Amino acid sequence: MDFLYKMSRQLKIAIIEDEPISRAYLKNLIEQTGFEHQIIEELDSVSDALVFFSKNPDLDLIFMDIHLGDGTCFDILNTVGIEKPIIFCTTFDTYAVQAFKYNSIDYILKPAKLDDIKDALKKYWSFKKSDEDDYLIRMDKMMGSFVSPNYKKRFLIRKNNKLMLTDVNNVICFYSEGGNTFLTEKSGTSHAVDFTLEKLEELLDPNNFFRINRKMMISIDEIHSVEDYFNNRLKIKLQNRIDLDLVVSRNRVKHFKNWLKGVS
């Protein structure tokens, strides 16, 4: 018996079929294949399927009929983004091309035979194992070449004719003005630094600092609130009230929101 039958984890399956006899017949065929599996949901309508998939269920594979009592499976697929692989089981051969525009791994005509279901499940595991192997190879390469970034932790600034160090955690923001770049400390005091904002984007941890527009970069720890602003922009209020125009430019709004959520 090859590796396809040795998968230790149960295959979680959802069945979308509006005919009870066809659904029972399909479940019996799946059982006969010998694959470890669990039928986690049986659905017989578009409306029930939309509710089910909107909850992001934990499953691996979907068996799906084309025609349902209140529409077609494409009403589901065009409404809810389903990324799980699908095995279509239907009486009609006219939808094959349309079906394969989605995450289809097989298209079986009714009445299905045991070998049809077995071959479709083998195909699923083949794809699954290929994906897992590719993922492990990519991870090995990434870990082998991974070097922890050495982000800048402090800045040399001038205070009262003295050179002093300020920790990056003490910085509210960086901004450019009159061809110079300044950092603003939590005390509200600003000091010139010898870096452009472009260079600071390279030197600072991108998880902590974001350039909201051409002239301003802020610390995530200092954000107090964000509100809508005219022309599809956003306005930021910081923990420390400083007299600076903190507006996220329109072309950076999407990236800024992802940054706040911790999404790359």
C-alpha atoms as a PDB file:
ATOM      1  CA  MET A   1       0.000   0.000   0.000  1.00  0.00           C
ATOM      2  CA  ASP A   2       1.567   3.324  -1.076  1.00  0.00           C
ATOM      3  CA  PHE A   3       1.904   6.544   0.935  1.00  0.00           C
ATOM      4  CA  LEU A   4      -1.478   7.756  -0.245  1.00  0.00           C
ATOM      5  CA  TYR A   5      -3.156   5.349   2.130  1.00  0.00           C
ATOM      6  CA  LYS A   6      -0.858   6.058   5.049  1.00  0.00           C
ATOM      7  CA  MET A   7      -1.816   9.642   5.773  1.00  0.00           C
ATOM      8  CA  SER A   8      -2.096   9.899   9.553  1.00  0.00           C
ATOM      9  CA  ARG A   9      -4.496  12.837   9.615  1.00  0.00           C
ATOM     10  CA  GLN A  10      -8.166  12.372   8.792  1.00  0.00           C
ATOM     11  CA  LEU A  11      -9.336  14.064   5.640  1.00  0.00           C
ATOM     12  CA  LYS A  12     -12.076  16.551   6.567  1.00  0.00           C
ATOM     13  CA  ILE A  13     -14.727  16.562   3.853  1.00  0.00           C
ATOM     14  CA  ALA A  14     -17.818  18.643   3.134  1.00  0.00           C
ATOM     15  CA  ILE A  15     -20.461  17.342   0.706  1.00  0.00           C
ATOM     16  CA  ILE A  16     -22.778  19.663  -1.221  1.00  0.00           C
ATOM     17  CA  GLU A  17     -25.502  17.545  -2.821  1.00  0.00           C
ATOM     18  CA  ASP A  18     -29.255  18.138  -2.824  1.00  0.00           C
ATOM     19  CA  GLU A  19     -30.336  14.561  -3.593  1.00  0.00           C
ATOM     20  CA  PRO A  20     -30.350  12.374  -0.435  1.00  0.00           C
ATOM     21  CA  ILE A  21     -29.870   9.150  -2.421  1.00  0.00           C
ATOM     22  CA  SER A  22     -26.905  10.578  -4.338  1.00  0.00           C
ATOM     23  CA  ARG A  23     -25.425  11.929  -1.106  1.00  0.00           C
ATOM     24  CA  ALA A  24     -25.702   8.540   0.636  1.00  0.00           C
ATOM     25  CA  TYR A  25     -24.240   6.795  -2.426  1.00  0.00           C
ATOM     26  CA  LEU A  26     -21.277   9.189  -2.505  1.00  0.00           C
ATOM     27  CA  LYS A  27     -20.600   8.764   1.219  1.00  0.00           C
ATOM     28  CA  ASN A  28     -20.589   5.002   0.744  1.00  0.00           C
ATOM     29  CA  LEU A  29     -18.081   5.227  -2.107  1.00  0.00           C
ATOM     30  CA  ILE A  30     -15.795   7.478  -0.068  1.00  0.00           C
ATOM     31  CA  GLU A  31     -15.985   4.967   2.792  1.00  0.00           C
ATOM     32  CA  GLN A  32     -15.030   2.125   0.442  1.00  0.00           C
ATOM     33  CA  THR A  33     -11.870   3.880  -0.724  1.00  0.00           C
ATOM     34  CA  GLY A  34     -10.201   3.149   2.601  1.00  0.00           C
ATOM     35  CA  PHE A  35      -9.001   6.703   3.075  1.00  0.00           C
ATOM     36  CA  GLU A  36      -9.158   7.996   6.641  1.00  0.00           C
ATOM     37  CA  HIS A  37     -11.774  10.736   6.546  1.00  0.00           C
ATOM     38  CA  GLN A  38     -14.512  12.582   8.388  1.00  0.00           C
ATOM     39  CA  ILE A  39     -17.625  14.064   6.784  1.00  0.00           C
ATOM     40  CA  ILE A  40     -17.876  17.324   8.709  1.00  0.00           C
ATOM     41  CA  GLU A  41     -20.892  18.775   6.879  1.00  0.00           C
ATOM     42  CA  GLU A  42     -23.609  17.771   4.405  1.00  0.00           C
ATOM     43  CA  LEU A  43     -25.326  20.639   2.580  1.00  0.00           C
ATOM     44  CA  ASP A  44     -28.202  20.548   0.112  1.00  0.00           C
ATOM     45  CA  SER A  45     -28.705  24.178  -0.916  1.00  0.00           C
ATOM     46  CA  VAL A  46     -26.914  27.325  -1.992  1.00  0.00           C
ATOM     47  CA  SER A  47     -28.274  29.268   0.968  1.00  0.00           C
ATOM     48  CA  ASP A  48     -27.052  26.764   3.556  1.00  0.00           C
ATOM     49  CA  ALA A  49     -23.657  26.555   1.868  1.00  0.00           C
ATOM     50  CA  LEU A  50     -23.215  30.332   1.918  1.00  0.00           C
ATOM     51  CA  VAL A  51     -23.881  30.387   5.654  1.00  0.00           C
ATOM     52  CA  PHE A  52     -21.542  27.456   6.249  1.00  0.00           C
ATOM     53  CA  PHE A  53     -18.587  28.779   4.245  1.00  0.00           C
ATOM     54  CA  SER A  54     -18.929  32.300   5.623  1.00  0.00           C
ATOM     55  CA  LYS A  55     -17.804  30.830   8.967  1.00  0.00           C
ATOM     56  CA  ASN A  56     -14.433  29.722   7.479  1.00  0.00           C
ATOM     57  CA  PRO A  57     -14.863  26.058   8.428  1.00  0.00           C
ATOM     58  CA  ASP A  58     -11.873  23.822   9.076  1.00  0.00           C
ATOM     59  CA  LEU A  59     -11.926  21.367   6.181  1.00  0.00           C
ATOM     60  CA  ASP A  60      -9.651  19.888   3.525  1.00  0.00           C
ATOM     61  CA  LEU A  61     -11.797  18.946   0.553  1.00  0.00           C
ATOM     62  CA  ILE A  62     -15.267  19.551  -0.930  1.00  0.00           C
ATOM     63  CA  PHE A  63     -17.419  17.227  -3.016  1.00  0.00           C
ATOM     64  CA  MET A  64     -19.838  19.453  -4.905  1.00  0.00           C
ATOM     65  CA  ASP A  65     -22.796  18.859  -7.211  1.00  0.00           C
ATOM     66  CA  ILE A  66     -23.460  21.487  -9.891  1.00  0.00           C
ATOM     67  CA  HIS A  67     -27.251  21.826  -9.715  1.00  0.00           C
ATOM     68  CA  LEU A  68     -28.846  22.416  -6.320  1.00  0.00           C
ATOM     69  CA  GLY A  69     -32.442  23.070  -5.334  1.00  0.00           C
ATOM     70  CA  ASP A  70     -32.085  26.845  -5.141  1.00  0.00           C
ATOM     71  CA  GLY A  71     -29.394  27.490  -7.750  1.00  0.00           C
ATOM     72  CA  THR A  72     -26.034  26.169  -8.873  1.00  0.00           C
ATOM     73  CA  CYS A  73     -22.754  25.682  -7.064  1.00  0.00           C
ATOM     74  CA  PHE A  74     -21.368  28.641  -9.010  1.00  0.00           C
ATOM     75  CA  ASP A  75     -23.711  30.881  -7.025  1.00  0.00           C
ATOM     76  CA  ILE A  76     -21.736  29.745  -3.987  1.00  0.00           C
ATOM     77  CA  LEU A  77     -18.298  29.987  -5.580  1.00  0.00           C
ATOM     78  CA  ASN A  78     -18.940  33.457  -6.994  1.00  0.00           C
ATOM     79  CA  THR A  79     -20.165  34.749  -3.643  1.00  0.00           C
ATOM     80  CA  VAL A  80     -17.835  33.185  -1.085  1.00  0.00           C
ATOM     81  CA  GLY A  81     -14.112  32.878  -1.671  1.00  0.00           C
ATOM     82  CA  ILE A  82     -13.478  29.124  -1.276  1.00  0.00           C
ATOM     83  CA  GLU A  83      -9.810  28.204  -1.453  1.00  0.00           C
ATOM     84  CA  LYS A  84     -10.179  24.514  -0.630  1.00  0.00           C
ATOM     85  CA  PRO A  85      -9.887  21.980  -3.484  1.00  0.00           C
ATOM     86  CA  ILE A  86     -13.150  20.780  -5.018  1.00  0.00           C
ATOM     87  CA  ILE A  87     -14.208  17.498  -6.623  1.00  0.00           C
ATOM     88  CA  PHE A  88     -17.275  18.120  -8.774  1.00  0.00           C
ATOM     89  CA  CYS A  89     -19.811  15.288  -9.043  1.00  0.00           C
ATOM     90  CA  THR A  90     -22.602  15.975 -11.508  1.00  0.00           C
ATOM     91  CA  THR A  91     -24.889  14.550 -14.171  1.00  0.00           C
ATOM     92  CA  PHE A  92     -23.887  17.247 -16.662  1.00  0.00           C
ATOM     93  CA  ASP A  93     -20.670  17.335 -18.678  1.00  0.00           C
ATOM     94  CA  THR A  94     -21.350  20.844 -20.024  1.00  0.00           C
ATOM     95  CA  TYR A  95     -19.910  22.612 -16.960  1.00  0.00           C
ATOM     96  CA  ALA A  96     -16.449  21.037 -16.960  1.00  0.00           C
ATOM     97  CA  VAL A  97     -14.625  24.050 -18.381  1.00  0.00           C
ATOM     98  CA  GLN A  98     -16.434  26.441 -16.054  1.00  0.00           C
ATOM     99  CA  ALA A  99     -15.751  24.198 -13.050  1.00  0.00           C
ATOM    100  CA  PHE A 100     -12.034  24.113 -13.676  1.00  0.00           C
ATOM    101  CA  LYS A 101     -11.847  27.878 -13.364  1.00  0.00           C
ATOM    102  CA  TYR A 102     -12.198  27.250  -9.643  1.00  0.00           C
ATOM    103  CA  ASN A 103     -10.127  25.048  -7.319  1.00  0.00           C
ATOM    104  CA  SER A 104     -11.194  21.883  -9.060  1.00  0.00           C
ATOM    105  CA  ILE A 105      -9.013  18.786  -8.908  1.00  0.00           C
ATOM    106  CA  ASP A 106     -11.500  16.446 -10.615  1.00  0.00           C
ATOM    107  CA  TYR A 107     -14.837  16.398 -12.480  1.00  0.00           C
ATOM    108  CA  ILE A 108     -16.796  13.156 -12.050  1.00  0.00           C
ATOM    109  CA  LEU A 109     -19.942  12.300 -13.990  1.00  0.00           C
ATOM    110  CA  LYS A 110     -22.761  10.517 -12.179  1.00  0.00           C
ATOM    111  CA  PRO A 111     -23.227   7.734 -11.462  1.00  0.00           C
ATOM    112  CA  ALA A 112     -19.765   7.806  -9.922  1.00  0.00           C
ATOM    113  CA  LYS A 113     -17.798   4.582  -9.604  1.00  0.00           C
ATOM    114  CA  LEU A 114     -15.524   3.550  -6.762  1.00  0.00           C
ATOM    115  CA  ASP A 115     -12.433   3.949  -8.932  1.00  0.00           C
ATOM    116  CA  ASP A 116     -13.527   7.490  -9.852  1.00  0.00           C
ATOM    117  CA  ILE A 117     -13.664   8.534  -6.204  1.00  0.00           C
ATOM    118  CA  LYS A 118     -10.485   6.648  -5.332  1.00  0.00           C
ATOM    119  CA  ASP A 119      -8.555   8.263  -8.197  1.00  0.00           C
ATOM    120  CA  ALA A 120      -9.849  11.707  -7.243  1.00  0.00           C
ATOM    121  CA  LEU A 121      -8.697  11.267  -3.636  1.00  0.00           C
ATOM    122  CA  LYS A 122      -5.323   9.982  -4.788  1.00  0.00           C
ATOM    123  CA  LYS A 123      -5.019  13.086  -6.925  1.00  0.00           C
ATOM    124  CA  TYR A 124      -5.821  15.260  -3.891  1.00  0.00           C
ATOM    125  CA  TRP A 125      -3.129  13.602  -1.777  1.00  0.00           C
ATOM    126  CA  SER A 126      -0.624  13.847  -4.630  1.00  0.00           C
ATOM    127  CA  PHE A 127      -1.216  17.580  -4.874  1.00  0.00           C
ATOM    128  CA  LYS A 128      -1.159  17.887  -1.096  1.00  0.00           C
ATOM    129  CA  LYS A 129       2.139  16.079  -0.721  1.00  0.00           C
ATOM    130  CA  SER A 130       3.686  18.088  -3.547  1.00  0.00           C
ATOM    131  CA  ASP A 131       2.632  21.317  -1.838  1.00  0.00           C
ATOM    132  CA  GLU A 132       4.016  20.136   1.503  1.00  0.00           C
ATOM    133  CA  ASP A 133       7.332  19.085  -0.058  1.00  0.00           C
ATOM    134  CA  ASP A 134       7.672  22.426  -1.844  1.00  0.00           C
ATOM    135  CA  TYR A 135       6.869  24.243   1.387  1.00  0.00           C
ATOM    136  CA  LEU A 136       9.493  22.303   3.367  1.00  0.00           C
ATOM    137  CA  ILE A 137      12.115  22.983   0.694  1.00  0.00           C
ATOM    138  CA  ARG A 138      11.325  26.698   0.726  1.00  0.00           C
ATOM    139  CA  MET A 139      11.450  26.776   4.521  1.00  0.00           C
ATOM    140  CA  ASP A 140      14.816  24.975   4.592  1.00  0.00           C
ATOM    141  CA  LYS A 141      16.265  27.467   2.130  1.00  0.00           C
ATOM    142  CA  MET A 142      14.862  30.405   4.019  1.00  0.00           C
ATOM    143  CA  MET A 143      16.098  29.209   7.412  1.00  0.00           C
ATOM    144  CA  GLY A 144      19.496  28.378   5.976  1.00  0.00           C
ATOM    145  CA  SER A 145      19.992  31.909   4.714  1.00  0.00           C
ATOM    146  CA  PHE A 146      18.155  33.741   7.487  1.00  0.00           C
ATOM    147  CA  VAL A 147      20.036  36.508   9.217  1.00  0.00           C
ATOM    148  CA  SER A 148      18.342  38.552  11.889  1.00  0.00           C
ATOM    149  CA  PRO A 149      18.183  42.204  10.740  1.00  0.00           C
ATOM    150  CA  ASN A 150      20.343  44.579  12.734  1.00  0.00           C
ATOM    151  CA  TYR A 151      18.024  47.567  13.006  1.00  0.00           C
ATOM    152  CA  LYS A 152      19.199  50.890  14.371  1.00  0.00           C
ATOM    153  CA  LYS A 153      18.654  51.176  18.139  1.00  0.00           C
ATOM    154  CA  ARG A 154      19.876  54.690  18.974  1.00  0.00           C
ATOM    155  CA  PHE A 155      20.728  58.047  17.445  1.00  0.00           C
ATOM    156  CA  LEU A 156      23.457  60.560  18.139  1.00  0.00           C
ATOM    157  CA  ILE A 157      21.933  64.002  18.626  1.00  0.00           C
ATOM    158  CA  ARG A 158      23.146  67.415  19.767  1.00  0.00           C
ATOM    159  CA  LYS A 159      21.704  68.936  22.951  1.00  0.00           C
ATOM    160  CA  ASN A 160      22.982  72.281  24.204  1.00  0.00           C
ATOM    161  CA  ASN A 161      26.233  71.935  22.272  1.00  0.00           C
ATOM    162  CA  LYS A 162      26.713  68.409  23.601  1.00  0.00           C
ATOM    163  CA  LEU A 163      26.511  65.149  21.678  1.00  0.00           C
ATOM    164  CA  MET A 164      24.119  62.711  23.336  1.00  0.00           C
ATOM    165  CA  LEU A 165      22.434  59.407  22.550  1.00  0.00           C
ATOM    166  CA  THR A 166      18.686  58.906  22.354  1.00  0.00           C
ATOM    167  CA  ASP A 167      17.132  55.465  22.216  1.00  0.00           C
ATOM    168  CA  VAL A 168      14.901  54.679  19.243  1.00  0.00           C
ATOM    169  CA  ASN A 169      12.128  53.778  21.719  1.00  0.00           C
ATOM    170  CA  ASN A 170      12.185  57.415  22.845  1.00  0.00           C
ATOM    171  CA  VAL A 171      11.335  58.628  19.332  1.00  0.00           C
ATOM    172  CA  ILE A 172       7.798  59.688  18.420  1.00  0.00           C
ATOM    173  CA  CYS A 173       8.441  60.395  14.776  1.00  0.00           C
ATOM    174  CA  PHE A 174      10.886  61.496  12.101  1.00  0.00           C
ATOM    175  CA  TYR A 175      10.103  64.269   9.637  1.00  0.00           C
ATOM    176  CA  SER A 176      11.782  66.272   6.914  1.00  0.00           C
ATOM    177  CA  GLU A 177      11.696  70.042   6.697  1.00  0.00           C
ATOM    178  CA  GLY A 178      13.750  72.513   4.688  1.00  0.00           C
ATOM    179  CA  GLY A 179      15.961  69.762   3.291  1.00  0.00           C
ATOM    180  CA  ASN A 180      16.821  68.398   6.760  1.00  0.00           C
ATOM    181  CA  THR A 181      15.564  65.422   8.739  1.00  0.00           C
ATOM    182  CA  PHE A 182      14.530  65.632  12.384  1.00  0.00           C
ATOM    183  CA  LEU A 183      13.507  63.215  15.102  1.00  0.00           C
ATOM    184  CA  THR A 184      11.025  64.197  17.782  1.00  0.00           C
ATOM    185  CA  GLU A 185      11.441  62.765  21.255  1.00  0.00           C
ATOM    186  CA  LYS A 186       8.619  61.943  23.641  1.00  0.00           C
ATOM    187  CA  SER A 187       9.393  65.186  25.435  1.00  0.00           C
ATOM    188  CA  GLY A 188       8.310  67.002  22.247  1.00  0.00           C
ATOM    189  CA  THR A 189      11.832  68.240  21.497  1.00  0.00           C
ATOM    190  CA  SER A 190      13.115  67.833  17.944  1.00  0.00           C
ATOM    191  CA  HIS A 191      16.702  67.254  16.858  1.00  0.00           C
ATOM    192  CA  ALA A 192      18.389  67.062  13.462  1.00  0.00           C
ATOM    193  CA  VAL A 193      19.733  63.688  12.336  1.00  0.00           C
ATOM    194  CA  ASP A 194      22.105  62.840   9.505  1.00  0.00           C
ATOM    195  CA  PHE A 195      19.772  60.516   7.622  1.00  0.00           C
ATOM    196  CA  THR A 196      17.138  60.990   4.955  1.00  0.00           C
ATOM    197  CA  LEU A 197      13.710  59.431   5.461  1.00  0.00           C
ATOM    198  CA  GLU A 198      14.532  57.031   2.646  1.00  0.00           C
ATOM    199  CA  LYS A 199      17.606  55.831   4.547  1.00  0.00           C
ATOM    200  CA  LEU A 200      15.672  55.620   7.800  1.00  0.00           C
ATOM    201  CA  GLU A 201      13.207  53.253   6.120  1.00  0.00           C
ATOM    202  CA  GLU A 202      16.146  50.887   5.675  1.00  0.00           C
ATOM    203  CA  LEU A 203      17.632  51.409   9.149  1.00  0.00           C
ATOM    204  CA  LEU A 204      14.499  51.160  11.304  1.00  0.00           C
ATOM    205  CA  ASP A 205      12.407  48.108  12.141  1.00  0.00           C
ATOM    206  CA  PRO A 206       9.430  48.252   9.733  1.00  0.00           C
ATOM    207  CA  ASN A 207       7.232  46.676  12.397  1.00  0.00           C
ATOM    208  CA  ASN A 208       7.748  49.743  14.596  1.00  0.00           C
ATOM    209  CA  PHE A 209       8.017  52.657  12.168  1.00  0.00           C
ATOM    210  CA  PHE A 210       5.955  53.565   9.120  1.00  0.00           C
ATOM    211  CA  ARG A 211       6.350  56.370   6.613  1.00  0.00           C
ATOM    212  CA  ILE A 212       2.859  57.849   6.393  1.00  0.00           C
ATOM    213  CA  ASN A 213       3.690  60.394   3.683  1.00  0.00           C
ATOM    214  CA  ARG A 214       6.625  61.993   1.884  1.00  0.00           C
ATOM    215  CA  LYS A 215       7.726  63.975   4.911  1.00  0.00           C
ATOM    216  CA  MET A 216       6.770  61.941   7.973  1.00  0.00           C
ATOM    217  CA  MET A 217       7.555  58.606   9.640  1.00  0.00           C
ATOM    218  CA  ILE A 218       5.901  57.620  12.924  1.00  0.00           C
ATOM    219  CA  SER A 219       6.266  55.064  15.715  1.00  0.00           C
ATOM    220  CA  ILE A 220       3.430  52.584  16.150  1.00  0.00           C
ATOM    221  CA  ASP A 221       3.780  52.793  19.935  1.00  0.00           C
ATOM    222  CA  GLU A 222       2.886  56.484  19.859  1.00  0.00           C
ATOM    223  CA  ILE A 223      -0.391  56.211  17.942  1.00  0.00           C
ATOM    224  CA  HIS A 224      -3.371  57.208  20.048  1.00  0.00           C
ATOM    225  CA  SER A 225      -6.113  57.118  17.410  1.00  0.00           C
ATOM    226  CA  VAL A 226      -6.740  57.151  13.658  1.00  0.00           C
ATOM    227  CA  GLU A 227      -9.693  58.838  11.982  1.00  0.00           C
ATOM    228  CA  ASP A 228     -10.990  59.362   8.464  1.00  0.00           C
ATOM    229  CA  TYR A 229      -9.809  62.510   6.729  1.00  0.00           C
ATOM    230  CA  PHE A 230     -10.931  64.192   3.523  1.00  0.00           C
ATOM    231  CA  ASN A 231      -9.831  62.944   0.098  1.00  0.00           C
ATOM    232  CA  ASN A 232      -9.715  59.306   1.308  1.00  0.00           C
ATOM    233  CA  ARG A 233      -6.844  59.947   3.679  1.00  0.00           C
ATOM    234  CA  LEU A 234      -6.377  59.225   7.383  1.00  0.00           C
ATOM    235  CA  LYS A 235      -5.428  61.529  10.231  1.00  0.00           C
ATOM    236  CA  ILE A 236      -3.402  60.303  13.197  1.00  0.00           C
ATOM    237  CA  LYS A 237      -3.411  61.519  16.767  1.00  0.00           C
ATOM    238  CA  LEU A 238      -0.424  60.562  18.895  1.00  0.00           C
ATOM    239  CA  GLN A 239      -0.129  59.863  22.592  1.00  0.00           C
ATOM    240  CA  ASN A 240       2.063  62.952  22.906  1.00  0.00           C
ATOM    241  CA  ARG A 241       0.260  65.946  21.441  1.00  0.00           C
ATOM    242  CA  ILE A 242       2.782  67.564  19.117  1.00  0.00           C
ATOM    243  CA  ASP A 243       2.163  70.320  16.619  1.00  0.00           C
ATOM    244  CA  LEU A 244       2.709  68.320  13.423  1.00  0.00           C
ATOM    245  CA  ASP A 245       0.407  67.482  10.523  1.00  0.00           C
ATOM    246  CA  LEU A 246       0.044  63.696  10.811  1.00  0.00           C
ATOM    247  CA  VAL A 247      -1.901  62.681   7.702  1.00  0.00           C
ATOM    248  CA  VAL A 248      -1.527  59.376   5.877  1.00  0.00           C
ATOM    249  CA  SER A 249      -1.328  60.074   2.156  1.00  0.00           C
ATOM    250  CA  ARG A 250      -3.972  58.404   0.023  1.00  0.00           C
ATOM    251  CA  ASN A 251      -1.575  56.055  -1.758  1.00  0.00           C
ATOM    252  CA  ARG A 252      -0.267  54.764   1.594  1.00  0.00           C
ATOM    253  CA  VAL A 253      -3.593  54.208   3.366  1.00  0.00           C
ATOM    254  CA  LYS A 254      -3.924  50.518   2.434  1.00  0.00           C
ATOM    255  CA  HIS A 255      -0.343  49.713   3.472  1.00  0.00           C
ATOM    256  CA  PHE A 256      -0.775  51.715   6.656  1.00  0.00           C
ATOM    257  CA  LYS A 257      -3.875  49.745   7.665  1.00  0.00           C
ATOM    258  CA  ASN A 258      -2.047  46.473   6.980  1.00  0.00           C
ATOM    259  CA  TRP A 259       0.890  47.718   9.046  1.00  0.00           C
ATOM    260  CA  LEU A 260      -1.419  48.472  11.969  1.00  0.00           C
ATOM    261  CA  LYS A 261      -2.827  44.942  11.716  1.00  0.00           C
ATOM    262  CA  GLY A 262       0.641  43.409  11.487  1.00  0.00           C
ATOM    263  CA  VAL A 263       0.158  42.275   7.889  1.00  0.00           C
ATOM    264  CA  SER A 264       3.036  42.527   5.428  1.00  0.00           C
END
